[in-house]
Amino acid sequence: MYELKNNGFLTNNVVSFYYRATGGSIIKFGSYDKSGLKDPSKFYVFKTKNKNDWSLNLKSVTIWNSKGTQ
């Protein structure tokens, strides 16, 4: 990501994940789309541990299934 940004291929060091249980999930590099958010009030930004990888400091992660249950 940093190389892409430094070489002018990306405007921002951002990667966005849009998960849809029914298909059509996407990964977007360089920005995000508010139109891809089901509930914009639940938009979260996570900073990586360092600039060399995508490691995050998280206690837990929950992904909902298509019926909205864990």
C-alpha atoms as a PDB file:
ATOM      1  CA  MET A   1       0.000   0.000   0.000  1.00  0.00           C
ATOM      2  CA  TYR A   2       2.751   2.464   0.902  1.00  0.00           C
ATOM      3  CA  GLU A   3       4.554   1.795  -2.381  1.00  0.00           C
ATOM      4  CA  LEU A   4       1.307   2.311  -4.311  1.00  0.00           C
ATOM      5  CA  LYS A   5       0.700   5.595  -2.453  1.00  0.00           C
ATOM      6  CA  ASN A   6       4.294   6.773  -2.812  1.00  0.00           C
ATOM      7  CA  ASN A   7       4.227   6.076  -6.566  1.00  0.00           C
ATOM      8  CA  GLY A   8       0.959   7.981  -7.081  1.00  0.00           C
ATOM      9  CA  PHE A   9      -1.338   5.002  -7.731  1.00  0.00           C
ATOM     10  CA  LEU A  10      -3.448   5.668  -4.613  1.00  0.00           C
ATOM     11  CA  THR A  11      -4.685   8.924  -3.114  1.00  0.00           C
ATOM     12  CA  ASN A  12      -4.886   7.486   0.439  1.00  0.00           C
ATOM     13  CA  ASN A  13      -3.451   4.516   2.321  1.00  0.00           C
ATOM     14  CA  VAL A  14      -6.886   2.995   2.778  1.00  0.00           C
ATOM     15  CA  VAL A  15      -8.373  -0.405   2.068  1.00  0.00           C
ATOM     16  CA  SER A  16     -12.112  -0.989   2.408  1.00  0.00           C
ATOM     17  CA  PHE A  17     -13.887  -4.327   2.724  1.00  0.00           C
ATOM     18  CA  TYR A  18     -17.564  -4.637   1.792  1.00  0.00           C
ATOM     19  CA  TYR A  19     -19.005  -8.002   2.796  1.00  0.00           C
ATOM     20  CA  ARG A  20     -22.319  -9.212   1.420  1.00  0.00           C
ATOM     21  CA  ALA A  21     -23.490 -12.673   2.451  1.00  0.00           C
ATOM     22  CA  THR A  22     -25.479 -12.940  -0.781  1.00  0.00           C
ATOM     23  CA  GLY A  23     -22.391 -12.318  -2.938  1.00  0.00           C
ATOM     24  CA  GLY A  24     -20.882  -9.277  -4.584  1.00  0.00           C
ATOM     25  CA  SER A  25     -18.424  -8.522  -1.762  1.00  0.00           C
ATOM     26  CA  ILE A  26     -15.590  -6.191  -2.750  1.00  0.00           C
ATOM     27  CA  ILE A  27     -12.238  -4.857  -1.584  1.00  0.00           C
ATOM     28  CA  LYS A  28     -11.449  -1.273  -2.557  1.00  0.00           C
ATOM     29  CA  PHE A  29      -7.979   0.253  -2.384  1.00  0.00           C
ATOM     30  CA  GLY A  30      -7.315   3.973  -1.895  1.00  0.00           C
ATOM     31  CA  SER A  31     -10.726   5.070  -0.591  1.00  0.00           C
ATOM     32  CA  TYR A  32     -14.175   3.972   0.583  1.00  0.00           C
ATOM     33  CA  ASP A  33     -17.752   4.472  -0.609  1.00  0.00           C
ATOM     34  CA  LYS A  34     -20.450   5.652   1.795  1.00  0.00           C
ATOM     35  CA  SER A  35     -23.004   4.105  -0.570  1.00  0.00           C
ATOM     36  CA  GLY A  36     -21.522   0.711   0.290  1.00  0.00           C
ATOM     37  CA  LEU A  37     -22.381   1.101   3.974  1.00  0.00           C
ATOM     38  CA  LYS A  38     -25.618  -0.369   5.238  1.00  0.00           C
ATOM     39  CA  ASP A  39     -25.486   1.867   8.310  1.00  0.00           C
ATOM     40  CA  PRO A  40     -22.979   4.777   8.028  1.00  0.00           C
ATOM     41  CA  SER A  41     -23.115   5.234  11.817  1.00  0.00           C
ATOM     42  CA  LYS A  42     -21.345   1.863  12.095  1.00  0.00           C
ATOM     43  CA  PHE A  43     -18.316   2.850  10.002  1.00  0.00           C
ATOM     44  CA  TYR A  44     -15.063   1.871  11.700  1.00  0.00           C
ATOM     45  CA  VAL A  45     -11.444   2.752  10.943  1.00  0.00           C
ATOM     46  CA  PHE A  46      -8.612   0.528  12.156  1.00  0.00           C
ATOM     47  CA  LYS A  47      -4.971   1.565  12.087  1.00  0.00           C
ATOM     48  CA  THR A  48      -2.418  -1.158  11.353  1.00  0.00           C
ATOM     49  CA  LYS A  49       0.244  -1.962  13.937  1.00  0.00           C
ATOM     50  CA  ASN A  50       2.968  -0.706  11.579  1.00  0.00           C
ATOM     51  CA  LYS A  51       3.459   0.333   7.961  1.00  0.00           C
ATOM     52  CA  ASN A  52       5.058  -2.971   6.924  1.00  0.00           C
ATOM     53  CA  ASP A  53       1.987  -5.227   7.156  1.00  0.00           C
ATOM     54  CA  TRP A  54      -1.756  -5.307   7.745  1.00  0.00           C
ATOM     55  CA  SER A  55      -1.646  -6.595  11.343  1.00  0.00           C
ATOM     56  CA  LEU A  56      -4.298  -5.157  13.659  1.00  0.00           C
ATOM     57  CA  ASN A  57      -4.612  -5.022  17.441  1.00  0.00           C
ATOM     58  CA  LEU A  58      -8.063  -6.569  17.980  1.00  0.00           C
ATOM     59  CA  LYS A  59      -9.527  -8.385  20.970  1.00  0.00           C
ATOM     60  CA  SER A  60     -12.174 -10.181  18.892  1.00  0.00           C
ATOM     61  CA  VAL A  61     -13.925 -10.140  15.519  1.00  0.00           C
ATOM     62  CA  THR A  62     -17.509 -11.172  14.802  1.00  0.00           C
ATOM     63  CA  ILE A  63     -18.924 -11.654  11.313  1.00  0.00           C
ATOM     64  CA  TRP A  64     -22.692 -12.027  10.985  1.00  0.00           C
ATOM     65  CA  ASN A  65     -24.246 -14.696   8.803  1.00  0.00           C
ATOM     66  CA  SER A  66     -26.941 -13.947   6.208  1.00  0.00           C
ATOM     67  CA  LYS A  67     -29.729 -14.325   8.800  1.00  0.00           C
ATOM     68  CA  GLY A  68     -28.214 -11.624  11.023  1.00  0.00           C
ATOM     69  CA  THR A  69     -27.157 -13.993  13.798  1.00  0.00           C
ATOM     70  CA  GLN A  70     -23.700 -14.813  15.057  1.00  0.00           C
END
